[in-house]
Amino acid sequence: MNLQPQQQGQPNSESYDFFRESSSITLTQRLQQLDEVDRKVGEIMDFTRELINNLDKDKQISRSKMDENAKRYSKILEEDIMKVITDQLTYMEQLCVGAEHQDSMFRVQNKKRTTNQILQRMRYELGVFQQMDKESEAVTPASDGTDDDFVRVEGPDPEDVQVLSTESDD
């Protein structure tokens, strides 16, 4: 098993080549490949069980038979299982880091989250402006009790009262 860790940052051209090749594979094909891996894991478990049973019987097995079983075990593990799992993990890595392709869920979810945050902020700001507008249009009668004289209050703070008109029509 020869897995090399990916470097952080931008993926190299090899990963993009892999990605281009793997983007043509449908979800159904990916699931079929994983089903095949599951079958191979079951097969390798059967080989392991058979080997343990042979060792448990204290029966000598020939060196060629032991080598054959070891090669078969390694082939299934490295070629059939690890290769498919590595390919699928590489695809998922590309999918999750937001690489530009048609199936990128990261990009879609990030845009949705950003849009929702902007929408929430706009609703909040609109509410603040509406509240300020209501408070600035508040009209109270003047101190002499006539309907013709009004004091207009502007701003949300009652200390910021400005008298716009206090003259009476007498």
C-alpha atoms as a PDB file:
ATOM      1  CA  MET A   1       0.000   0.000   0.000  1.00  0.00           C
ATOM      2  CA  ASN A   2       1.720   3.136  -1.223  1.00  0.00           C
ATOM      3  CA  LEU A   3      -0.338   6.176  -0.302  1.00  0.00           C
ATOM      4  CA  GLN A   4       1.310   9.575  -0.434  1.00  0.00           C
ATOM      5  CA  PRO A   5      -0.303  12.443   1.446  1.00  0.00           C
ATOM      6  CA  GLN A   6      -1.613  15.363  -0.599  1.00  0.00           C
ATOM      7  CA  GLN A   7       0.075  18.669   0.046  1.00  0.00           C
ATOM      8  CA  GLN A   8      -2.045  21.422   1.491  1.00  0.00           C
ATOM      9  CA  GLY A   9      -3.098  24.214  -0.842  1.00  0.00           C
ATOM     10  CA  GLN A  10      -3.830  23.932  -4.525  1.00  0.00           C
ATOM     11  CA  PRO A  11      -4.151  20.392  -5.910  1.00  0.00           C
ATOM     12  CA  ASN A  12      -1.491  19.429  -8.432  1.00  0.00           C
ATOM     13  CA  SER A  13      -2.174  18.726 -12.099  1.00  0.00           C
ATOM     14  CA  GLU A  14      -2.333  14.975 -11.460  1.00  0.00           C
ATOM     15  CA  SER A  15      -5.304  15.390  -9.157  1.00  0.00           C
ATOM     16  CA  TYR A  16      -7.034  17.596 -11.727  1.00  0.00           C
ATOM     17  CA  ASP A  17      -6.424  14.951 -14.405  1.00  0.00           C
ATOM     18  CA  PHE A  18      -7.880  12.342 -12.105  1.00  0.00           C
ATOM     19  CA  PHE A  19     -10.756  14.623 -11.393  1.00  0.00           C
ATOM     20  CA  ARG A  20     -11.542  15.182 -15.064  1.00  0.00           C
ATOM     21  CA  GLU A  21     -11.543  11.439 -15.626  1.00  0.00           C
ATOM     22  CA  SER A  22     -13.671  10.725 -12.567  1.00  0.00           C
ATOM     23  CA  SER A  23     -16.235  13.446 -13.257  1.00  0.00           C
ATOM     24  CA  SER A  24     -17.602  11.402 -16.148  1.00  0.00           C
ATOM     25  CA  ILE A  25     -18.434   8.535 -13.790  1.00  0.00           C
ATOM     26  CA  THR A  26     -22.033   8.600 -12.627  1.00  0.00           C
ATOM     27  CA  LEU A  27     -23.180   8.168  -9.059  1.00  0.00           C
ATOM     28  CA  THR A  28     -24.601   4.741  -9.926  1.00  0.00           C
ATOM     29  CA  GLN A  29     -21.214   3.625 -11.237  1.00  0.00           C
ATOM     30  CA  ARG A  30     -19.525   4.911  -8.085  1.00  0.00           C
ATOM     31  CA  LEU A  31     -21.980   2.962  -5.935  1.00  0.00           C
ATOM     32  CA  GLN A  32     -21.380  -0.156  -8.034  1.00  0.00           C
ATOM     33  CA  GLN A  33     -17.621   0.221  -7.508  1.00  0.00           C
ATOM     34  CA  LEU A  34     -18.152   0.504  -3.760  1.00  0.00           C
ATOM     35  CA  ASP A  35     -20.396  -2.590  -3.831  1.00  0.00           C
ATOM     36  CA  GLU A  36     -17.575  -4.423  -5.611  1.00  0.00           C
ATOM     37  CA  VAL A  37     -15.142  -3.295  -2.899  1.00  0.00           C
ATOM     38  CA  ASP A  38     -17.568  -4.563  -0.267  1.00  0.00           C
ATOM     39  CA  ARG A  39     -17.669  -7.939  -2.033  1.00  0.00           C
ATOM     40  CA  LYS A  40     -13.857  -8.015  -2.182  1.00  0.00           C
ATOM     41  CA  VAL A  41     -13.600  -7.213   1.538  1.00  0.00           C
ATOM     42  CA  GLY A  42     -15.887 -10.176   2.191  1.00  0.00           C
ATOM     43  CA  GLU A  43     -13.668 -12.319  -0.020  1.00  0.00           C
ATOM     44  CA  ILE A  44     -10.519 -11.274   1.815  1.00  0.00           C
ATOM     45  CA  MET A  45     -12.223 -12.046   5.125  1.00  0.00           C
ATOM     46  CA  ASP A  46     -12.977 -15.558   3.807  1.00  0.00           C
ATOM     47  CA  PHE A  47      -9.296 -16.039   2.893  1.00  0.00           C
ATOM     48  CA  THR A  48      -8.250 -14.892   6.344  1.00  0.00           C
ATOM     49  CA  ARG A  49     -10.746 -17.256   7.987  1.00  0.00           C
ATOM     50  CA  GLU A  50      -9.478 -20.149   5.846  1.00  0.00           C
ATOM     51  CA  LEU A  51      -5.870 -19.357   6.738  1.00  0.00           C
ATOM     52  CA  ILE A  52      -6.647 -19.195  10.459  1.00  0.00           C
ATOM     53  CA  ASN A  53      -8.538 -22.499  10.277  1.00  0.00           C
ATOM     54  CA  ASN A  54      -5.573 -24.153   8.534  1.00  0.00           C
ATOM     55  CA  LEU A  55      -3.161 -22.843  11.150  1.00  0.00           C
ATOM     56  CA  ASP A  56      -5.499 -23.931  13.934  1.00  0.00           C
ATOM     57  CA  LYS A  57      -5.452 -27.545  12.723  1.00  0.00           C
ATOM     58  CA  ASP A  58      -1.688 -27.735  13.222  1.00  0.00           C
ATOM     59  CA  LYS A  59      -1.529 -29.106   9.731  1.00  0.00           C
ATOM     60  CA  GLN A  60       1.568 -28.284   7.757  1.00  0.00           C
ATOM     61  CA  ILE A  61       0.773 -26.493   4.525  1.00  0.00           C
ATOM     62  CA  SER A  62       3.218 -26.366   1.699  1.00  0.00           C
ATOM     63  CA  ARG A  63       5.309 -23.282   1.166  1.00  0.00           C
ATOM     64  CA  SER A  64       3.904 -22.850  -2.339  1.00  0.00           C
ATOM     65  CA  LYS A  65       0.335 -22.971  -1.001  1.00  0.00           C
ATOM     66  CA  MET A  66       1.213 -20.393   1.662  1.00  0.00           C
ATOM     67  CA  ASP A  67       2.875 -18.129  -0.930  1.00  0.00           C
ATOM     68  CA  GLU A  68      -0.116 -18.497  -3.236  1.00  0.00           C
ATOM     69  CA  ASN A  69      -2.522 -17.493  -0.459  1.00  0.00           C
ATOM     70  CA  ALA A  70      -0.325 -14.539   0.538  1.00  0.00           C
ATOM     71  CA  LYS A  71      -0.105 -13.276  -3.063  1.00  0.00           C
ATOM     72  CA  ARG A  72      -3.846 -13.674  -3.544  1.00  0.00           C
ATOM     73  CA  TYR A  73      -4.507 -11.830  -0.292  1.00  0.00           C
ATOM     74  CA  SER A  74      -2.133  -8.987  -1.230  1.00  0.00           C
ATOM     75  CA  LYS A  75      -3.563  -8.697  -4.750  1.00  0.00           C
ATOM     76  CA  ILE A  76      -7.126  -8.399  -3.523  1.00  0.00           C
ATOM     77  CA  LEU A  77      -6.165  -5.984  -0.762  1.00  0.00           C
ATOM     78  CA  GLU A  78      -3.892  -3.668  -2.740  1.00  0.00           C
ATOM     79  CA  GLU A  79      -5.281  -3.763  -6.266  1.00  0.00           C
ATOM     80  CA  ASP A  80      -8.961  -4.447  -5.882  1.00  0.00           C
ATOM     81  CA  ILE A  81      -9.766  -2.771  -2.566  1.00  0.00           C
ATOM     82  CA  MET A  82      -7.206  -0.043  -1.915  1.00  0.00           C
ATOM     83  CA  LYS A  83      -7.194   1.275  -5.496  1.00  0.00           C
ATOM     84  CA  VAL A  84     -10.964   1.770  -5.603  1.00  0.00           C
ATOM     85  CA  ILE A  85     -11.098   3.231  -2.102  1.00  0.00           C
ATOM     86  CA  THR A  86      -8.220   5.612  -2.894  1.00  0.00           C
ATOM     87  CA  ASP A  87      -9.959   6.715  -6.115  1.00  0.00           C
ATOM     88  CA  GLN A  88     -13.214   7.333  -4.260  1.00  0.00           C
ATOM     89  CA  LEU A  89     -11.465   9.238  -1.457  1.00  0.00           C
ATOM     90  CA  THR A  90      -9.605  11.387  -3.983  1.00  0.00           C
ATOM     91  CA  TYR A  91     -12.902  12.179  -5.695  1.00  0.00           C
ATOM     92  CA  MET A  92     -14.502  13.060  -2.349  1.00  0.00           C
ATOM     93  CA  GLU A  93     -11.516  15.262  -1.482  1.00  0.00           C
ATOM     94  CA  GLN A  94     -11.972  17.175  -4.738  1.00  0.00           C
ATOM     95  CA  LEU A  95     -15.713  17.423  -4.142  1.00  0.00           C
ATOM     96  CA  CYS A  96     -15.332  18.725  -0.594  1.00  0.00           C
ATOM     97  CA  VAL A  97     -12.639  21.326  -1.228  1.00  0.00           C
ATOM     98  CA  GLY A  98     -14.869  23.116  -3.712  1.00  0.00           C
ATOM     99  CA  ALA A  99     -13.062  22.323  -6.932  1.00  0.00           C
ATOM    100  CA  GLU A 100     -15.022  23.751  -9.828  1.00  0.00           C
ATOM    101  CA  HIS A 101     -17.111  21.002 -11.363  1.00  0.00           C
ATOM    102  CA  GLN A 102     -20.743  20.222 -11.869  1.00  0.00           C
ATOM    103  CA  ASP A 103     -21.137  18.209  -8.671  1.00  0.00           C
ATOM    104  CA  SER A 104     -19.447  20.630  -6.269  1.00  0.00           C
ATOM    105  CA  MET A 105     -21.675  20.764  -3.201  1.00  0.00           C
ATOM    106  CA  PHE A 106     -19.276  22.996  -1.302  1.00  0.00           C
ATOM    107  CA  ARG A 107     -19.683  25.843  -3.781  1.00  0.00           C
ATOM    108  CA  VAL A 108     -23.488  25.578  -3.784  1.00  0.00           C
ATOM    109  CA  GLN A 109     -23.768  25.369   0.005  1.00  0.00           C
ATOM    110  CA  ASN A 110     -21.329  28.242   0.484  1.00  0.00           C
ATOM    111  CA  LYS A 111     -23.315  30.474  -1.891  1.00  0.00           C
ATOM    112  CA  LYS A 112     -26.568  29.558  -0.150  1.00  0.00           C
ATOM    113  CA  ARG A 113     -25.143  30.287   3.311  1.00  0.00           C
ATOM    114  CA  THR A 114     -23.696  33.625   2.167  1.00  0.00           C
ATOM    115  CA  THR A 115     -26.957  34.615   0.477  1.00  0.00           C
ATOM    116  CA  ASN A 116     -28.952  33.770   3.612  1.00  0.00           C
ATOM    117  CA  GLN A 117     -26.599  35.837   5.769  1.00  0.00           C
ATOM    118  CA  ILE A 118     -26.920  38.821   3.427  1.00  0.00           C
ATOM    119  CA  LEU A 119     -30.712  38.442   3.366  1.00  0.00           C
ATOM    120  CA  GLN A 120     -30.871  38.334   7.183  1.00  0.00           C
ATOM    121  CA  ARG A 121     -28.717  41.444   7.445  1.00  0.00           C
ATOM    122  CA  MET A 122     -30.883  43.293   4.903  1.00  0.00           C
ATOM    123  CA  ARG A 123     -34.053  42.370   6.806  1.00  0.00           C
ATOM    124  CA  TYR A 124     -32.498  43.618  10.037  1.00  0.00           C
ATOM    125  CA  GLU A 125     -31.420  46.902   8.436  1.00  0.00           C
ATOM    126  CA  LEU A 126     -34.880  47.344   6.886  1.00  0.00           C
ATOM    127  CA  GLY A 127     -36.470  46.834  10.307  1.00  0.00           C
ATOM    128  CA  VAL A 128     -34.157  49.442  11.825  1.00  0.00           C
ATOM    129  CA  PHE A 129     -35.017  51.939   9.077  1.00  0.00           C
ATOM    130  CA  GLN A 130     -38.752  51.278   9.463  1.00  0.00           C
ATOM    131  CA  GLN A 131     -38.509  51.800  13.218  1.00  0.00           C
ATOM    132  CA  MET A 132     -36.581  55.042  12.722  1.00  0.00           C
ATOM    133  CA  ASP A 133     -39.176  56.202  10.185  1.00  0.00           C
ATOM    134  CA  LYS A 134     -42.064  55.469  12.577  1.00  0.00           C
ATOM    135  CA  GLU A 135     -40.332  57.294  15.405  1.00  0.00           C
ATOM    136  CA  SER A 136     -39.491  60.299  13.243  1.00  0.00           C
ATOM    137  CA  GLU A 137     -43.113  60.648  12.131  1.00  0.00           C
ATOM    138  CA  ALA A 138     -44.470  60.619  15.676  1.00  0.00           C
ATOM    139  CA  VAL A 139     -46.634  63.719  16.138  1.00  0.00           C
ATOM    140  CA  THR A 140     -47.744  65.044  19.542  1.00  0.00           C
ATOM    141  CA  PRO A 141     -50.055  68.028  20.278  1.00  0.00           C
ATOM    142  CA  ALA A 142     -48.483  71.318  21.456  1.00  0.00           C
ATOM    143  CA  SER A 143     -48.732  72.458  25.055  1.00  0.00           C
ATOM    144  CA  ASP A 144     -51.613  74.932  24.477  1.00  0.00           C
ATOM    145  CA  GLY A 145     -54.029  72.113  23.567  1.00  0.00           C
ATOM    146  CA  THR A 146     -55.064  73.343  20.096  1.00  0.00           C
ATOM    147  CA  ASP A 147     -55.188  70.959  17.189  1.00  0.00           C
ATOM    148  CA  ASP A 148     -53.379  73.404  14.881  1.00  0.00           C
ATOM    149  CA  ASP A 149     -50.108  73.422  16.790  1.00  0.00           C
ATOM    150  CA  PHE A 150     -47.935  70.309  16.525  1.00  0.00           C
ATOM    151  CA  VAL A 151     -44.540  69.336  17.771  1.00  0.00           C
ATOM    152  CA  ARG A 152     -42.692  66.918  15.468  1.00  0.00           C
ATOM    153  CA  VAL A 153     -40.278  64.521  17.180  1.00  0.00           C
ATOM    154  CA  GLU A 154     -37.354  63.271  15.102  1.00  0.00           C
ATOM    155  CA  GLY A 155     -34.917  60.495  15.908  1.00  0.00           C
ATOM    156  CA  PRO A 156     -35.217  57.458  18.142  1.00  0.00           C
ATOM    157  CA  ASP A 157     -33.958  59.231  21.290  1.00  0.00           C
ATOM    158  CA  PRO A 158     -36.532  61.458  23.113  1.00  0.00           C
ATOM    159  CA  GLU A 159     -33.717  63.819  24.141  1.00  0.00           C
ATOM    160  CA  ASP A 160     -33.198  64.695  20.473  1.00  0.00           C
ATOM    161  CA  VAL A 161     -36.552  66.508  20.182  1.00  0.00           C
ATOM    162  CA  GLN A 162     -36.674  69.299  17.647  1.00  0.00           C
ATOM    163  CA  VAL A 163     -39.621  71.653  17.424  1.00  0.00           C
ATOM    164  CA  LEU A 164     -40.465  72.173  13.773  1.00  0.00           C
ATOM    165  CA  SER A 165     -43.567  74.299  14.179  1.00  0.00           C
ATOM    166  CA  THR A 166     -44.905  75.951  17.338  1.00  0.00           C
ATOM    167  CA  GLU A 167     -46.595  78.988  15.886  1.00  0.00           C
ATOM    168  CA  SER A 168     -50.350  79.213  16.205  1.00  0.00           C
ATOM    169  CA  ASP A 169     -52.676  80.686  13.595  1.00  0.00           C
ATOM    170  CA  ASP A 170     -54.174  83.251  16.034  1.00  0.00           C
END
